[in-house]
C-alpha atoms as a PDB file:
ATOM      1  CA  MET A   1      19.530 163.707  95.762  1.00  0.00           C
ATOM      2  CA  MET A   2      18.965 167.022  97.389  1.00  0.00           C
ATOM      3  CA  GLU A   3      15.849 168.587  98.854  1.00  0.00           C
ATOM      4  CA  SER A   4      15.495 170.725  95.732  1.00  0.00           C
ATOM      5  CA  ASP A   5      15.098 167.570  93.588  1.00  0.00           C
ATOM      6  CA  TRP A   6      11.517 167.178  94.830  1.00  0.00           C
ATOM      7  CA  ILE A   7       8.910 168.446  92.365  1.00  0.00           C
ATOM      8  CA  ASP A   8       5.797 169.989  93.863  1.00  0.00           C
ATOM      9  CA  ALA A   9       2.781 168.109  92.491  1.00  0.00           C
ATOM     10  CA  ARG A  10       0.643 171.258  92.686  1.00  0.00           C
ATOM     11  CA  TYR A  11       2.673 172.693  89.816  1.00  0.00           C
ATOM     12  CA  ARG A  12       3.620 169.577  87.839  1.00  0.00           C
ATOM     13  CA  LYS A  13       2.342 166.040  88.125  1.00  0.00           C
ATOM     14  CA  PRO A  14       4.501 163.167  86.863  1.00  0.00           C
ATOM     15  CA  THR A  15       3.828 161.648  83.461  1.00  0.00           C
ATOM     16  CA  LYS A  16       4.521 158.225  81.994  1.00  0.00           C
ATOM     17  CA  GLU A  17       7.745 159.665  80.551  1.00  0.00           C
ATOM     18  CA  ASP A  18       8.932 160.602  84.073  1.00  0.00           C
ATOM     19  CA  ALA A  19       8.431 157.053  85.360  1.00  0.00           C
ATOM     20  CA  ASP A  20      10.770 154.058  85.319  1.00  0.00           C
ATOM     21  CA  HIS A  21      10.213 150.909  83.234  1.00  0.00           C
ATOM     22  CA  LYS A  22       7.546 149.713  85.695  1.00  0.00           C
ATOM     23  CA  GLY A  23       5.680 153.042  85.692  1.00  0.00           C
ATOM     24  CA  CYS A  24       6.937 154.182  89.112  1.00  0.00           C
ATOM     25  CA  VAL A  25       8.256 157.418  90.589  1.00  0.00           C
ATOM     26  CA  ILE A  26       9.483 158.306  94.078  1.00  0.00           C
ATOM     27  CA  ALA A  27       6.732 160.110  95.961  1.00  0.00           C
ATOM     28  CA  TRP A  28       6.293 162.042  99.182  1.00  0.00           C
ATOM     29  CA  HIS A  29       3.105 161.005 100.955  1.00  0.00           C
ATOM     30  CA  ARG A  30       1.728 163.562 103.396  1.00  0.00           C
ATOM     31  CA  TYR A  31       1.410 161.022 106.247  1.00  0.00           C
ATOM     32  CA  ASP A  32       3.695 158.110 105.290  1.00  0.00           C
ATOM     33  CA  GLY A  33       6.744 159.922 103.903  1.00  0.00           C
ATOM     34  CA  THR A  34       8.841 158.550 101.056  1.00  0.00           C
ATOM     35  CA  MET A  35       7.202 155.903  98.888  1.00  0.00           C
ATOM     36  CA  VAL A  36       7.481 154.347  95.455  1.00  0.00           C
ATOM     37  CA  THR A  37       4.205 154.558  93.561  1.00  0.00           C
ATOM     38  CA  GLY A  38       2.788 154.642  90.063  1.00  0.00           C
ATOM     39  CA  TRP A  39       2.943 157.989  88.285  1.00  0.00           C
ATOM     40  CA  HIS A  40      -0.825 157.843  87.704  1.00  0.00           C
ATOM     41  CA  GLN A  41      -1.575 157.958  91.457  1.00  0.00           C
ATOM     42  CA  PHE A  42      -1.020 161.713  91.530  1.00  0.00           C
ATOM     43  CA  GLY A  43      -4.345 162.339  89.849  1.00  0.00           C
ATOM     44  CA  ARG A  44      -6.133 160.077  92.335  1.00  0.00           C
ATOM     45  CA  SER A  45      -4.734 161.050  95.724  1.00  0.00           C
ATOM     46  CA  GLU A  46      -4.235 164.426  97.336  1.00  0.00           C
ATOM     47  CA  PHE A  47      -1.847 162.822  99.848  1.00  0.00           C
ATOM     48  CA  TYR A  48       1.035 162.610  97.338  1.00  0.00           C
ATOM     49  CA  THR A  49       2.432 166.136  97.550  1.00  0.00           C
ATOM     50  CA  HIS A  50       5.857 165.878  95.852  1.00  0.00           C
ATOM     51  CA  TRP A  51       7.649 163.489  93.540  1.00  0.00           C
ATOM     52  CA  MET A  52      10.890 162.828  91.680  1.00  0.00           C
ATOM     53  CA  PRO A  53      11.908 160.388  88.938  1.00  0.00           C
ATOM     54  CA  ALA A  54      13.296 157.073  90.133  1.00  0.00           C
ATOM     55  CA  PRO A  55      17.061 156.760  89.710  1.00  0.00           C
ATOM     56  CA  LYS A  56      18.470 154.740  86.836  1.00  0.00           C
ATOM     57  CA  PRO A  57      19.356 151.108  87.674  1.00  0.00           C
ATOM     58  CA  PRO A  58      22.920 150.235  88.723  1.00  0.00           C
ATOM     59  CA  LYS A  59      25.406 149.802  85.901  1.00  0.00           C
ATOM     60  CA  GLY A  60      25.513 146.221  84.642  1.00  0.00           C
ATOM     61  CA  PHE A  61      22.035 145.299  85.875  1.00  0.00           C
ATOM     62  CA  PRO A  62      19.698 144.839  82.912  1.00  0.00           C
ATOM     63  CA  LEU A  63      15.972 145.367  83.304  1.00  0.00           C
ATOM     64  CA  TRP A  64      13.608 142.454  82.824  1.00  0.00           C
ATOM     65  CA  GLU A  65       9.875 142.620  82.702  1.00  0.00           C
ATOM     66  CA  ASN A  66       9.784 139.088  84.151  1.00  0.00           C
ATOM     67  CA  PRO A  67      13.112 138.069  85.708  1.00  0.00           C
ATOM     68  CA  PRO A  68      14.288 134.543  84.809  1.00  0.00           C
ATOM     69  CA  GLY A  69      12.917 131.970  87.221  1.00  0.00           C
ATOM     70  CA  ARG A  70      10.363 134.386  88.633  1.00  0.00           C
ATOM     71  CA  ALA A  71       8.136 134.970  85.661  1.00  0.00           C
ATOM     72  CA  MET A  72       4.525 135.441  86.589  1.00  0.00           C
ATOM     73  CA  PRO A  73       1.719 135.732  84.070  1.00  0.00           C
ATOM     74  CA  ASP A  74      -0.090 139.036  83.984  1.00  0.00           C
ATOM     75  CA  PRO A  75      -3.751 138.290  84.751  1.00  0.00           C
ATOM     76  CA  MET A  76      -4.827 141.228  82.599  1.00  0.00           C
ATOM     77  CA  LEU A  77      -3.106 139.687  79.573  1.00  0.00           C
ATOM     78  CA  ALA A  78      -3.994 136.068  80.232  1.00  0.00           C
ATOM     79  CA  GLU A  79      -6.327 134.512  77.735  1.00  0.00           C
ATOM     80  CA  LYS A  80      -9.704 133.510  78.974  1.00  0.00           C
ATOM     81  CA  LYS A  81      -9.750 129.782  79.544  1.00  0.00           C
ATOM     82  CA  THR A  82     -12.665 127.923  78.097  1.00  0.00           C
ATOM     83  CA  GLU A  83     -13.905 124.645  79.410  1.00  0.00           C
ATOM     84  CA  THR A  84     -14.303 121.788  77.000  1.00  0.00           C
ATOM     85  CA  LYS A  85     -17.048 119.346  77.728  1.00  0.00           C
ATOM     86  CA  LYS A  86     -16.640 115.704  76.898  1.00  0.00           C
ATOM     87  CA  PRO A  87     -19.628 114.081  75.191  1.00  0.00           C
END
C-alpha cells in the first residue's frame, strides 16, 4: 500500500461495507500510529485521523467466525441461564 491509500476521516469515515468480516479497518491513530480497529470507532474518537480497508485474506485461507478448536461463545448471544430449584 502506498501513502495515498490512506483515506482522511475528516472527509469520509469508514462504513460497515468498508470493513472486513470482523468489522475492522486499518486506522491511523494520532498518538499510537497504525492500528486495527472497528469501523464504528471513527464516530467515537477524534484520535483516528485516517483509515483504509483491511486487505483480503491470503489465498487458500477461508474465514471462520469461530475457528475449529477455538470456538468461544459470544456472551451477547448466549441465552440467559435460569436456575431450577429442587423441591
